[in-house]
Amino acid sequence: MNSTENIAGTWLLQARGTDDEHQSELFERYGKNSRGILTITPDGWLNAVVCRGDRAALPGNPAWHSDAPDADRLAAFDSYVSYAGRCRIENGQLITNVEFALNPNWVGGEQVRDIELLPDGSLRLNVTRHWANGKKVSVWVDWRRT
C-alpha cells in the first residue's frame, strides 16, 4: 500500500473503537450507530464524514438552519465531523492537507491517520492524540469498500 491509488474508492463506516475504555463520552458524541463515508480518489483527494446515525432534525424552517435555537445547532455540530483535502501516504500514514472542514480550525492543517488494510479487506484508520489532561488515546475507524 504505497499510494492513494491502492485505496481509492468509496468506503462506508463499519466500526469504531478506542484503546481507552473510559472514552465513552467520545463515542457517545457519534452514537452507537454511527454513520460515515470516506471517499478517496485516484488523483489524491479525500473527503471524510462521520456522524450520529440518529441525529435529530433541527426545528424551524427545514430548508435552512439559521432559525433553529443555538442549543440545537450546537448539538448538530457536535454530532457531525467532516473534512476534505489533498491526501498522500507516507510511512504507513494517510496524511490529508485539510482544505475544507466543519471545524474551521482544521483548515490549513493536516489530519494524520495510521493506515492498515485488515485481512477482511476493511481499511482501518487510527489516530493517536494527546488530550489536554496529558492522556494519550488512540481511536480507530474501520471502513468497508462499497
Protein backbone atom coordinates (compact mmCIF):
# COMPACT_ATOMS: atom_id res chain seq x y z
CA MET A 1 0.00 0.00 0.00
CA ASN A 2 2.28 2.77 -1.22
CA SER A 3 -0.15 5.16 -2.85
CA THR A 4 -3.63 6.59 -2.59
CA GLU A 5 -4.41 4.76 -5.85
CA ASN A 6 -4.35 1.46 -3.91
CA ILE A 7 -7.09 2.62 -1.53
CA ALA A 8 -9.03 4.80 -3.94
CA GLY A 9 -12.76 4.31 -3.80
CA THR A 10 -15.80 4.84 -1.63
CA TRP A 11 -15.80 3.35 1.85
CA LEU A 12 -18.63 3.16 4.40
CA LEU A 13 -18.10 3.26 8.14
CA GLN A 14 -18.11 -0.24 9.55
CA ALA A 15 -16.94 0.13 13.18
CA ARG A 16 -15.20 2.47 15.61
CA GLY A 17 -13.10 1.71 18.66
CA THR A 18 -10.54 3.01 21.12
CA ASP A 19 -7.76 1.71 23.34
CA ASP A 20 -9.29 3.54 26.33
CA GLU A 21 -12.45 2.04 27.81
CA HIS A 22 -13.07 5.31 29.69
CA GLN A 23 -13.68 7.28 26.50
CA SER A 24 -17.44 6.67 26.44
CA GLU A 25 -18.07 10.42 26.04
CA LEU A 26 -16.06 10.45 22.83
CA PHE A 27 -18.08 7.56 21.45
CA GLU A 28 -21.41 8.87 22.64
CA ARG A 29 -20.87 12.03 20.57
CA TYR A 30 -21.34 9.99 17.39
CA GLY A 31 -23.66 7.41 18.96
CA LYS A 32 -23.71 3.64 18.94
CA ASN A 33 -24.95 3.56 15.34
CA SER A 34 -22.55 5.98 13.73
CA ARG A 35 -22.67 6.51 10.00
CA GLY A 36 -19.92 7.68 7.74
CA ILE A 37 -18.46 7.79 4.29
CA LEU A 38 -14.87 8.08 3.14
CA THR A 39 -14.07 8.89 -0.47
CA ILE A 40 -10.52 8.72 -1.79
CA THR A 41 -9.86 9.50 -5.44
CA PRO A 42 -7.02 8.01 -7.53
CA ASP A 43 -5.60 11.51 -8.02
CA GLY A 44 -5.28 12.10 -4.27
CA TRP A 45 -8.40 13.80 -2.89
CA LEU A 46 -10.06 12.68 0.33
CA ASN A 47 -13.47 13.51 1.79
CA ALA A 48 -14.46 12.03 5.17
CA VAL A 49 -17.71 12.27 7.16
CA VAL A 50 -18.69 10.65 10.46
CA CYS A 51 -21.94 11.41 12.28
CA ARG A 52 -24.57 10.02 14.61
CA GLY A 53 -26.98 7.76 12.80
CA ASP A 54 -29.85 9.15 14.85
CA ARG A 55 -29.28 12.90 14.50
CA ALA A 56 -32.33 14.92 15.45
CA ALA A 57 -33.88 17.22 12.86
CA LEU A 58 -33.45 20.92 13.54
CA PRO A 59 -36.64 22.77 14.47
CA GLY A 60 -37.89 25.63 12.34
CA ASN A 61 -37.59 26.01 8.59
CA PRO A 62 -36.45 22.59 7.30
CA ALA A 63 -34.82 24.17 4.24
CA TRP A 64 -32.49 26.27 6.37
CA HIS A 65 -30.87 26.09 9.79
CA SER A 66 -30.39 29.70 10.86
CA ASP A 67 -33.68 29.98 12.76
CA ALA A 68 -33.01 26.90 14.93
CA PRO A 69 -32.13 27.57 18.58
CA ASP A 70 -28.42 27.77 19.35
CA ALA A 71 -28.51 24.63 21.53
CA ASP A 72 -29.99 22.59 18.68
CA ARG A 73 -27.44 23.87 16.20
CA LEU A 74 -24.61 23.10 18.65
CA ALA A 75 -25.96 19.54 19.06
CA ALA A 76 -25.96 19.16 15.27
CA PHE A 77 -22.38 20.46 15.04
CA ASP A 78 -21.20 18.19 17.88
CA SER A 79 -22.67 15.06 16.30
CA TYR A 80 -21.03 15.50 12.88
CA VAL A 81 -17.44 15.79 11.69
CA SER A 82 -16.15 16.22 8.16
CA TYR A 83 -13.04 17.30 6.35
CA ALA A 84 -11.62 17.16 2.84
CA GLY A 85 -8.42 17.94 1.00
CA ARG A 86 -5.47 16.57 -0.91
CA CYS A 87 -4.04 13.40 0.62
CA ARG A 88 -0.93 11.28 0.38
CA ILE A 89 0.53 8.19 2.03
CA GLU A 90 3.88 8.44 3.79
CA ASN A 91 5.47 5.91 6.15
CA GLY A 92 2.23 3.98 6.64
CA GLN A 93 0.20 7.10 7.34
CA LEU A 94 -2.61 8.74 5.39
CA ILE A 95 -2.00 12.49 5.56
CA THR A 96 -4.67 14.94 4.44
CA ASN A 97 -3.92 18.62 3.86
CA VAL A 98 -7.26 19.98 5.02
CA GLU A 99 -8.87 22.49 2.65
CA PHE A 100 -12.50 22.13 3.82
CA ALA A 101 -13.79 21.18 7.27
CA LEU A 102 -16.79 21.58 9.54
CA ASN A 103 -14.29 22.71 12.18
CA PRO A 104 -12.64 25.80 10.67
CA ASN A 105 -9.59 25.30 12.90
CA TRP A 106 -8.65 22.23 10.86
CA VAL A 107 -8.43 24.16 7.57
CA GLY A 108 -4.79 24.70 6.61
CA GLY A 109 -3.59 21.88 8.87
CA GLU A 110 -3.11 18.17 8.42
CA GLN A 111 -5.14 15.20 9.58
CA VAL A 112 -2.83 12.22 10.03
CA ARG A 113 -4.05 8.63 10.35
CA ASP A 114 -2.11 5.39 10.64
CA ILE A 115 -3.39 3.14 7.89
CA GLU A 116 -3.88 -0.62 7.80
CA LEU A 117 -5.63 -2.98 5.41
CA LEU A 118 -7.28 -5.69 7.50
CA PRO A 119 -7.50 -9.36 6.40
CA ASP A 120 -11.21 -8.97 5.53
CA GLY A 121 -10.41 -6.11 3.12
CA SER A 122 -11.50 -3.37 5.51
CA LEU A 123 -9.46 -0.21 5.82
CA ARG A 124 -8.53 0.81 9.38
CA LEU A 125 -7.57 4.40 10.07
CA ASN A 126 -6.13 5.08 13.52
CA VAL A 127 -5.33 8.40 15.18
CA THR A 128 -3.47 8.88 18.45
CA ARG A 129 -3.91 12.19 20.23
CA HIS A 130 -2.56 13.76 23.39
CA TRP A 131 -5.50 15.30 25.26
CA ALA A 132 -5.32 18.48 27.35
CA ASN A 133 -5.12 16.35 30.51
CA GLY A 134 -1.90 14.75 29.20
CA LYS A 135 -3.53 11.42 28.40
CA LYS A 136 -2.64 9.68 25.13
CA VAL A 137 -5.60 7.94 23.45
CA SER A 138 -5.84 6.04 20.17
CA VAL A 139 -9.09 5.87 18.24
CA TRP A 140 -9.68 3.76 15.14
CA VAL A 141 -12.33 3.68 12.43
CA ASP A 142 -12.86 0.69 10.14
CA TRP A 143 -14.23 1.27 6.66
CA ARG A 144 -15.57 -1.24 4.14
CA ARG A 145 -15.34 -0.64 0.42
CA THR A 146 -18.66 -0.21 -1.38
